[in-house]
Amino acid sequence: MPFEQELCALVLDTAPRLFAVVQVCDEGAADADGWVVAWGLADADGPTHVISIDGRARMALTSPERAVRHFTTRPGISARLVWLAQPAAAALDHLEAA
C-alpha cells in the first residue's frame, strides 16, 4: 500500500465521531420544534469534547451521553444526540505549510 494511502487509512481508523446535541420542544406534538445547541467529538477510548453553538460552553466529558444532561435543564425541553455518519474516505492536502 502506498504511503499516502496508509496515512489516509490511519486518519479514518482514528477519527473521532462527530455529533450534534439537539434540543426538542413539544416532542410528539404536531408543532414540535428542534434546534442544534452544541457540537461534539467523541474519541473511541478518550474523552468527549463538546462546544455550544454560541461558544460559551466548552466541556470535556467521559461520554457523549453526559452532554445530553447538560442541555436538558428546562421543563418541556428534551435533548438528544444526533450522530453524523463515519467518513468513508480521506484525502491528503498537498499544500505546503506557510
C-alpha atoms as a PDB file:
ATOM      1  CA  MET A   1       0.000   0.000   0.000  1.00  0.00           C
ATOM      2  CA  PRO A   2       1.470   3.393  -0.941  1.00  0.00           C
ATOM      3  CA  PHE A   3       2.403   5.651   1.977  1.00  0.00           C
ATOM      4  CA  GLU A   4      -0.317   8.216   1.199  1.00  0.00           C
ATOM      5  CA  GLN A   5      -2.986   5.506   1.310  1.00  0.00           C
ATOM      6  CA  GLU A   6      -1.585   4.312   4.633  1.00  0.00           C
ATOM      7  CA  LEU A   7      -1.851   7.834   6.036  1.00  0.00           C
ATOM      8  CA  CYS A   8      -5.454   8.158   4.850  1.00  0.00           C
ATOM      9  CA  ALA A   9      -6.322   4.768   6.361  1.00  0.00           C
ATOM     10  CA  LEU A  10      -4.717   5.838   9.653  1.00  0.00           C
ATOM     11  CA  VAL A  11      -6.820   9.004   9.696  1.00  0.00           C
ATOM     12  CA  LEU A  12     -10.028   7.063   9.062  1.00  0.00           C
ATOM     13  CA  ASP A  13      -9.179   4.484  11.723  1.00  0.00           C
ATOM     14  CA  THR A  14      -8.501   7.096  14.414  1.00  0.00           C
ATOM     15  CA  ALA A  15     -11.074   9.771  13.508  1.00  0.00           C
ATOM     16  CA  PRO A  16     -13.355  10.842  16.358  1.00  0.00           C
ATOM     17  CA  ARG A  17     -17.086  10.576  15.823  1.00  0.00           C
ATOM     18  CA  LEU A  18     -18.916  13.860  15.262  1.00  0.00           C
ATOM     19  CA  PHE A  19     -22.320  14.503  16.810  1.00  0.00           C
ATOM     20  CA  ALA A  20     -24.767  17.300  17.499  1.00  0.00           C
ATOM     21  CA  VAL A  21     -26.728  17.873  20.686  1.00  0.00           C
ATOM     22  CA  VAL A  22     -30.256  18.797  19.655  1.00  0.00           C
ATOM     23  CA  GLN A  23     -32.924  20.263  21.924  1.00  0.00           C
ATOM     24  CA  VAL A  24     -36.563  19.443  21.215  1.00  0.00           C
ATOM     25  CA  CYS A  25     -39.668  21.258  22.411  1.00  0.00           C
ATOM     26  CA  ASP A  26     -43.116  19.632  22.442  1.00  0.00           C
ATOM     27  CA  GLU A  27     -41.802  16.307  21.135  1.00  0.00           C
ATOM     28  CA  GLY A  28     -44.617  14.179  19.738  1.00  0.00           C
ATOM     29  CA  ALA A  29     -46.887  17.177  19.147  1.00  0.00           C
ATOM     30  CA  ALA A  30     -47.842  18.417  15.701  1.00  0.00           C
ATOM     31  CA  ASP A  31     -45.969  21.667  16.318  1.00  0.00           C
ATOM     32  CA  ALA A  32     -42.793  20.103  17.769  1.00  0.00           C
ATOM     33  CA  ASP A  33     -39.612  22.070  17.189  1.00  0.00           C
ATOM     34  CA  GLY A  34     -35.916  21.282  17.437  1.00  0.00           C
ATOM     35  CA  TRP A  35     -32.577  23.064  17.154  1.00  0.00           C
ATOM     36  CA  VAL A  36     -28.873  22.294  17.446  1.00  0.00           C
ATOM     37  CA  VAL A  37     -27.367  23.613  20.695  1.00  0.00           C
ATOM     38  CA  ALA A  38     -23.887  22.050  20.581  1.00  0.00           C
ATOM     39  CA  TRP A  39     -21.399  20.018  18.558  1.00  0.00           C
ATOM     40  CA  GLY A  40     -19.219  17.275  19.937  1.00  0.00           C
ATOM     41  CA  LEU A  41     -16.309  14.971  19.122  1.00  0.00           C
ATOM     42  CA  ALA A  42     -16.152  11.552  20.738  1.00  0.00           C
ATOM     43  CA  ASP A  43     -12.928   9.560  20.757  1.00  0.00           C
ATOM     44  CA  ALA A  44     -13.228   5.777  20.893  1.00  0.00           C
ATOM     45  CA  ASP A  45     -11.067   5.478  24.005  1.00  0.00           C
ATOM     46  CA  GLY A  46     -10.788   9.019  25.284  1.00  0.00           C
ATOM     47  CA  PRO A  47     -12.837  11.987  26.413  1.00  0.00           C
ATOM     48  CA  THR A  48     -15.731  13.601  24.615  1.00  0.00           C
ATOM     49  CA  HIS A  49     -15.366  17.292  23.750  1.00  0.00           C
ATOM     50  CA  VAL A  50     -18.455  19.473  23.394  1.00  0.00           C
ATOM     51  CA  ILE A  51     -18.846  23.144  22.474  1.00  0.00           C
ATOM     52  CA  SER A  52     -22.130  25.014  22.484  1.00  0.00           C
ATOM     53  CA  ILE A  53     -23.259  26.811  19.342  1.00  0.00           C
ATOM     54  CA  ASP A  54     -22.742  30.197  20.981  1.00  0.00           C
ATOM     55  CA  GLY A  55     -19.228  29.200  22.120  1.00  0.00           C
ATOM     56  CA  ARG A  56     -19.922  29.971  25.783  1.00  0.00           C
ATOM     57  CA  ALA A  57     -19.862  26.367  26.998  1.00  0.00           C
ATOM     58  CA  ARG A  58     -16.922  24.034  26.398  1.00  0.00           C
ATOM     59  CA  MET A  59     -16.864  20.673  28.086  1.00  0.00           C
ATOM     60  CA  ALA A  60     -14.626  17.634  28.339  1.00  0.00           C
ATOM     61  CA  LEU A  61     -16.832  14.727  29.402  1.00  0.00           C
ATOM     62  CA  THR A  62     -16.464  10.985  29.829  1.00  0.00           C
ATOM     63  CA  SER A  63     -19.174  10.165  27.266  1.00  0.00           C
ATOM     64  CA  PRO A  64     -21.412  11.859  24.702  1.00  0.00           C
ATOM     65  CA  GLU A  65     -24.480  10.878  26.725  1.00  0.00           C
ATOM     66  CA  ARG A  66     -23.297  13.148  29.547  1.00  0.00           C
ATOM     67  CA  ALA A  67     -23.605  16.113  27.169  1.00  0.00           C
ATOM     68  CA  VAL A  68     -27.333  15.469  26.902  1.00  0.00           C
ATOM     69  CA  ARG A  69     -27.686  16.006  30.666  1.00  0.00           C
ATOM     70  CA  HIS A  70     -26.152  19.478  30.393  1.00  0.00           C
ATOM     71  CA  PHE A  71     -28.729  20.558  27.815  1.00  0.00           C
ATOM     72  CA  THR A  72     -31.842  19.068  29.450  1.00  0.00           C
ATOM     73  CA  THR A  73     -32.394  21.663  32.121  1.00  0.00           C
ATOM     74  CA  ARG A  74     -35.612  23.447  31.188  1.00  0.00           C
ATOM     75  CA  PRO A  75     -39.103  21.967  31.668  1.00  0.00           C
ATOM     76  CA  GLY A  76     -40.654  20.857  28.385  1.00  0.00           C
ATOM     77  CA  ILE A  77     -37.282  20.730  26.602  1.00  0.00           C
ATOM     78  CA  SER A  78     -35.552  17.425  25.943  1.00  0.00           C
ATOM     79  CA  ALA A  79     -32.153  16.841  24.401  1.00  0.00           C
ATOM     80  CA  ARG A  80     -30.730  14.061  22.272  1.00  0.00           C
ATOM     81  CA  LEU A  81     -27.640  13.135  20.303  1.00  0.00           C
ATOM     82  CA  VAL A  82     -27.633  13.078  16.512  1.00  0.00           C
ATOM     83  CA  TRP A  83     -24.598  11.274  15.092  1.00  0.00           C
ATOM     84  CA  LEU A  84     -23.067  12.131  11.760  1.00  0.00           C
ATOM     85  CA  ALA A  85     -22.030   9.151   9.672  1.00  0.00           C
ATOM     86  CA  GLN A  86     -18.428   7.986   9.885  1.00  0.00           C
ATOM     87  CA  PRO A  87     -16.377   9.292   6.955  1.00  0.00           C
ATOM     88  CA  ALA A  88     -15.716   6.710   4.289  1.00  0.00           C
ATOM     89  CA  ALA A  89     -12.834   8.439   2.545  1.00  0.00           C
ATOM     90  CA  ALA A  90      -9.858  10.666   3.313  1.00  0.00           C
ATOM     91  CA  ALA A  91      -7.556  12.662   1.056  1.00  0.00           C
ATOM     92  CA  LEU A  92      -4.256  14.407   1.610  1.00  0.00           C
ATOM     93  CA  ASP A  93      -3.999  18.122   1.028  1.00  0.00           C
ATOM     94  CA  HIS A  94      -0.700  18.758  -0.730  1.00  0.00           C
ATOM     95  CA  LEU A  95      -0.434  22.453   0.180  1.00  0.00           C
ATOM     96  CA  GLU A  96       2.887  23.394   1.646  1.00  0.00           C
ATOM     97  CA  ALA A  97       2.998  24.864   5.129  1.00  0.00           C
ATOM     98  CA  ALA A  98       3.483  28.619   5.161  1.00  0.00           C
END
